[in-house]
Amino acid sequence: MQGLPLQKAITERLNRQQLHALFSGKREFRIMGEIASITMKDIARELNVSVATVSRALKNSPRISRQQRERIQAYANEHNFSPNLIAESLRNSRVRPMKIIGVIVPELTHFYFASVLAGIEEAAEKQGYRIMVAHSNEQHEREVSICKSFFENKVCGIIVSQAKDTTQYAHFQHLIDRGVPLVFYDRVCTGVNASRVVVDDYAGAYAAVTHLVETGCRRVACFNASMKLEISRTATTATATHCSNTA
């Protein structure tokens, strides 16, 4: 019971501090040792300029005088201003897509997909893009939901390796029909006309069986993922073909 009065007292004290800061015209107040972020509107009001002027000054626009730019930038740095990248992206999305690429992985714990994800992020960053990552957990329903979420968040493209459970591809076609670039990797969707980044799985499986046969193996087993996946069917076909040719 002693904790409740103490909690109430702390809450009241914080509220008094925040109200004082607000009504005194100061936009900074400490909460749990942190300083609340200021916005461009706050900077504009304090320096008696427009929000557009602040925005241009922070971007080093030559439309703003050097003296004014330095004044605004100094105030922003002094008050630890940080731009809201999400809000800026949403504003820009009205005229051009956000520089965000959606990436769908079947699972995050698999070393292969983790490696691919690292490569995608590195390549995207070099071109000024960021990535938004989601994992389908090998579930078709979740994959559909992710595609819908990426579309609503206005990503400029989607890179995907389909889930094991996926046998219907309407959600992928929906994205293509609405002009969203779609690229498949590793697990490709043969029912959709989209770009693909893959290796020759047939040749790889055939070469593996060849090696086993040359080392004396006569009974070769093929262990694969779900046969719903094109990559599994391809590897199985290559194995069966080689075995029938050497029988």
Protein backbone atom coordinates (compact mmCIF):
# COMPACT_ATOMS: atom_id res chain seq x y z
CA MET A 1 0.00 0.00 0.00
CA GLN A 2 2.95 2.31 0.59
CA GLY A 3 3.88 2.11 -3.10
CA LEU A 4 0.64 3.72 -4.29
CA PRO A 5 1.06 7.11 -2.53
CA LEU A 6 4.68 7.23 -3.70
CA GLN A 7 3.68 6.49 -7.30
CA LYS A 8 0.98 9.18 -7.13
CA ALA A 9 3.45 11.72 -5.78
CA ILE A 10 5.98 10.99 -8.55
CA THR A 11 3.27 11.25 -11.21
CA GLU A 12 2.06 14.58 -9.84
CA ARG A 13 5.60 15.91 -9.73
CA LEU A 14 6.23 14.90 -13.35
CA ASN A 15 2.97 16.47 -14.42
CA ARG A 16 3.89 19.74 -12.70
CA GLN A 17 7.30 19.75 -14.39
CA GLN A 18 5.80 19.11 -17.82
CA LEU A 19 3.09 21.75 -17.41
CA HIS A 20 5.64 24.29 -16.24
CA ALA A 21 7.81 23.55 -19.25
CA LEU A 22 4.89 23.84 -21.64
CA PHE A 23 3.45 27.08 -20.25
CA SER A 24 6.86 28.70 -19.85
CA GLY A 25 7.50 28.22 -23.55
CA LYS A 26 10.29 25.69 -23.02
CA ARG A 27 9.85 22.57 -25.11
CA GLU A 28 12.46 20.55 -23.26
CA PHE A 29 11.70 18.73 -20.03
CA ARG A 30 13.30 15.74 -18.44
CA ILE A 31 11.42 12.50 -17.96
CA MET A 32 13.32 9.65 -16.33
CA GLY A 33 16.59 11.43 -17.13
CA GLU A 34 15.83 11.86 -20.85
CA ILE A 35 15.16 15.01 -22.85
CA ALA A 36 12.05 15.10 -25.01
CA SER A 37 12.75 15.71 -28.70
CA ILE A 38 11.95 19.05 -30.26
CA THR A 39 10.36 19.40 -33.67
CA MET A 40 10.84 21.75 -36.60
CA LYS A 41 7.71 23.58 -35.46
CA ASP A 42 9.37 24.20 -32.09
CA ILE A 43 12.50 25.56 -33.77
CA ALA A 44 10.43 27.77 -36.08
CA ARG A 45 8.47 29.23 -33.18
CA GLU A 46 11.55 29.91 -31.06
CA LEU A 47 13.44 31.59 -33.92
CA ASN A 48 10.39 33.32 -35.36
CA VAL A 49 10.67 31.78 -38.83
CA SER A 50 8.49 29.46 -40.88
CA VAL A 51 8.67 25.66 -40.70
CA ALA A 52 9.60 25.66 -44.40
CA THR A 53 12.58 27.91 -43.65
CA VAL A 54 13.74 25.55 -40.89
CA SER A 55 13.39 22.55 -43.19
CA ARG A 56 15.40 24.19 -45.96
CA ALA A 57 18.08 25.42 -43.55
CA LEU A 58 18.57 21.96 -42.08
CA LYS A 59 19.03 20.62 -45.62
CA ASN A 60 21.59 23.35 -46.43
CA SER A 61 19.38 24.82 -49.12
CA PRO A 62 20.99 27.77 -50.94
CA ARG A 63 17.55 29.45 -50.87
CA ILE A 64 18.28 30.36 -47.24
CA SER A 65 21.05 32.82 -46.40
CA ARG A 66 24.21 31.40 -44.87
CA GLN A 67 23.68 33.42 -41.70
CA GLN A 68 20.14 32.13 -41.29
CA ARG A 69 21.21 28.54 -42.02
CA GLU A 70 23.96 28.66 -39.42
CA ARG A 71 21.61 30.20 -36.86
CA ILE A 72 18.96 27.52 -37.34
CA GLN A 73 21.45 24.65 -37.50
CA ALA A 74 23.19 25.85 -34.35
CA TYR A 75 19.89 25.96 -32.47
CA ALA A 76 18.96 22.49 -33.74
CA ASN A 77 22.31 21.02 -32.70
CA GLU A 78 22.19 22.72 -29.32
CA HIS A 79 18.77 21.20 -28.61
CA ASN A 80 19.61 17.75 -30.01
CA PHE A 81 17.13 17.96 -32.87
CA SER A 82 16.67 14.75 -34.85
CA PRO A 83 14.53 14.66 -38.02
CA ASN A 84 11.51 12.36 -38.13
CA LEU A 85 12.50 10.15 -41.06
CA ILE A 86 9.19 8.29 -41.08
CA ALA A 87 7.17 11.50 -41.31
CA GLU A 88 9.45 12.81 -44.06
CA SER A 89 9.10 9.58 -46.00
CA LEU A 90 5.32 9.72 -45.71
CA ARG A 91 5.31 13.29 -47.03
CA ASN A 92 7.53 12.37 -49.94
CA SER A 93 5.50 9.23 -50.70
CA ARG A 94 2.80 11.44 -52.18
CA VAL A 95 5.03 12.17 -55.14
CA ARG A 96 7.48 9.25 -55.06
CA PRO A 97 7.78 5.89 -53.23
CA MET A 98 9.62 5.77 -49.94
CA LYS A 99 13.20 4.53 -50.20
CA ILE A 100 12.32 1.45 -48.20
CA ILE A 101 12.51 -2.10 -49.51
CA GLY A 102 10.34 -4.76 -47.92
CA VAL A 103 12.07 -8.10 -47.36
CA ILE A 104 10.21 -11.31 -46.49
CA VAL A 105 12.15 -14.27 -45.11
CA PRO A 106 10.60 -17.67 -44.28
CA GLU A 107 12.51 -17.85 -40.99
CA LEU A 108 15.09 -15.70 -39.24
CA THR A 109 16.98 -18.43 -37.39
CA HIS A 110 18.21 -20.16 -40.55
CA PHE A 111 21.83 -19.25 -41.34
CA TYR A 112 21.20 -19.02 -45.08
CA PHE A 113 18.38 -16.52 -44.79
CA ALA A 114 20.29 -14.51 -42.18
CA SER A 115 23.22 -14.28 -44.61
CA VAL A 116 20.98 -13.23 -47.49
CA LEU A 117 19.36 -10.59 -45.29
CA ALA A 118 22.76 -9.15 -44.36
CA GLY A 119 23.70 -8.94 -48.05
CA ILE A 120 20.44 -7.24 -48.99
CA GLU A 121 20.84 -4.65 -46.24
CA GLU A 122 24.43 -3.88 -47.24
CA ALA A 123 23.55 -3.46 -50.92
CA ALA A 124 20.46 -1.37 -50.16
CA GLU A 125 22.36 0.97 -47.83
CA LYS A 126 24.93 1.71 -50.52
CA GLN A 127 22.12 2.97 -52.75
CA GLY A 128 20.50 5.08 -50.03
CA TYR A 129 17.71 2.61 -49.21
CA ARG A 130 16.57 1.10 -45.95
CA ILE A 131 14.92 -2.27 -45.51
CA MET A 132 11.81 -3.35 -43.65
CA VAL A 133 12.05 -7.02 -42.64
CA ALA A 134 9.31 -9.50 -41.79
CA HIS A 135 9.32 -13.28 -41.50
CA SER A 136 6.45 -15.44 -42.70
CA ASN A 137 7.26 -18.28 -40.29
CA GLU A 138 6.58 -20.60 -43.24
CA GLN A 139 2.86 -19.69 -43.13
CA HIS A 140 0.85 -18.63 -46.19
CA GLU A 141 -1.64 -16.54 -44.19
CA ARG A 142 1.15 -14.62 -42.51
CA GLU A 143 2.86 -14.05 -45.85
CA VAL A 144 -0.36 -12.58 -47.28
CA SER A 145 -0.67 -10.28 -44.27
CA ILE A 146 2.93 -9.09 -44.64
CA CYS A 147 2.45 -8.28 -48.32
CA LYS A 148 -0.64 -6.26 -47.45
CA SER A 149 1.23 -4.40 -44.70
CA PHE A 150 4.19 -3.63 -46.99
CA PHE A 151 1.83 -2.29 -49.66
CA GLU A 152 0.03 -0.09 -47.13
CA ASN A 153 3.38 1.23 -45.90
CA LYS A 154 4.22 2.22 -49.48
CA VAL A 155 7.51 0.33 -49.84
CA CYS A 156 9.19 0.87 -53.19
CA GLY A 157 9.69 -2.85 -53.80
CA ILE A 158 9.58 -6.27 -52.16
CA ILE A 159 12.16 -9.07 -52.04
CA VAL A 160 10.67 -12.40 -50.98
CA SER A 161 11.41 -16.08 -50.49
CA GLN A 162 8.02 -17.76 -50.32
CA ALA A 163 6.76 -19.81 -47.39
CA LYS A 164 6.54 -23.61 -47.52
CA ASP A 165 2.76 -23.47 -47.16
CA THR A 166 2.24 -21.12 -50.11
CA THR A 167 0.44 -22.70 -53.06
CA GLN A 168 -1.80 -19.75 -54.02
CA TYR A 169 -0.14 -16.64 -55.38
CA ALA A 170 -2.90 -14.02 -55.61
CA HIS A 171 -1.18 -11.80 -53.01
CA PHE A 172 1.96 -11.64 -55.16
CA GLN A 173 -0.01 -10.91 -58.32
CA HIS A 174 -1.89 -8.20 -56.42
CA LEU A 175 1.40 -6.38 -55.79
CA ILE A 176 2.53 -6.69 -59.40
CA ASP A 177 -0.83 -5.45 -60.71
CA ARG A 178 -0.41 -2.33 -58.57
CA GLY A 179 3.06 -1.58 -59.84
CA VAL A 180 5.09 -2.82 -56.86
CA PRO A 181 8.39 -4.36 -58.09
CA LEU A 182 8.70 -7.94 -56.84
CA VAL A 183 11.86 -10.07 -56.73
CA PHE A 184 12.00 -13.70 -55.60
CA TYR A 185 15.13 -15.31 -54.21
CA ASP A 186 15.94 -18.95 -53.47
CA ARG A 187 12.31 -20.12 -53.36
CA VAL A 188 10.73 -18.84 -56.54
CA CYS A 189 7.07 -18.65 -57.48
CA THR A 190 6.53 -20.19 -60.92
CA GLY A 191 2.94 -18.97 -61.04
CA VAL A 192 3.91 -15.29 -61.14
CA ASN A 193 5.88 -13.41 -63.80
CA ALA A 194 8.49 -11.66 -61.65
CA SER A 195 12.23 -11.26 -61.38
CA ARG A 196 14.20 -14.04 -59.68
CA VAL A 197 17.60 -14.44 -58.06
CA VAL A 198 18.39 -18.16 -57.98
CA VAL A 199 21.07 -20.73 -58.62
CA ASP A 200 20.80 -23.73 -60.95
CA ASP A 201 19.34 -26.17 -58.43
CA TYR A 202 19.02 -28.93 -61.01
CA ALA A 203 22.69 -28.73 -61.98
CA GLY A 204 23.73 -28.53 -58.33
CA ALA A 205 21.75 -31.61 -57.33
CA TYR A 206 22.91 -33.52 -60.39
CA ALA A 207 26.55 -32.68 -59.63
CA ALA A 208 26.12 -33.80 -56.02
CA VAL A 209 24.71 -37.17 -57.08
CA THR A 210 27.47 -37.54 -59.66
CA HIS A 211 30.07 -37.09 -56.94
CA LEU A 212 28.40 -39.70 -54.73
CA VAL A 213 28.21 -42.22 -57.57
CA GLU A 214 31.85 -41.65 -58.50
CA THR A 215 32.90 -42.37 -54.91
CA GLY A 216 31.14 -45.74 -55.01
CA CYS A 217 27.65 -44.94 -53.71
CA ARG A 218 24.85 -46.94 -55.34
CA ARG A 219 21.84 -46.11 -53.19
CA VAL A 220 21.36 -42.33 -53.02
CA ALA A 221 18.64 -40.73 -50.91
CA CYS A 222 17.37 -37.18 -51.49
CA PHE A 223 16.35 -35.28 -48.36
CA ASN A 224 14.33 -32.17 -49.21
CA ALA A 225 11.97 -29.57 -47.84
CA SER A 226 8.26 -29.48 -48.71
CA MET A 227 7.50 -30.71 -52.22
CA LYS A 228 5.24 -27.67 -52.58
CA LEU A 229 8.43 -25.70 -53.25
CA GLU A 230 9.90 -25.53 -56.74
CA ILE A 231 13.42 -25.85 -55.35
CA SER A 232 12.56 -29.20 -53.73
CA ARG A 233 10.88 -30.59 -56.83
CA THR A 234 13.85 -29.55 -58.97
CA ALA A 235 16.40 -31.23 -56.70
CA THR A 236 14.32 -34.40 -56.50
CA THR A 237 13.95 -34.54 -60.28
CA ALA A 238 17.70 -34.12 -60.79
CA THR A 239 18.44 -36.91 -58.31
CA ALA A 240 15.91 -39.29 -59.85
CA THR A 241 17.14 -38.53 -63.38
CA HIS A 242 20.76 -39.22 -62.49
CA CYS A 243 19.94 -42.43 -60.65
CA SER A 244 17.85 -43.73 -63.56
CA ASN A 245 20.65 -42.94 -66.01
CA THR A 246 23.23 -44.84 -63.98
CA ALA A 247 21.01 -47.79 -63.07
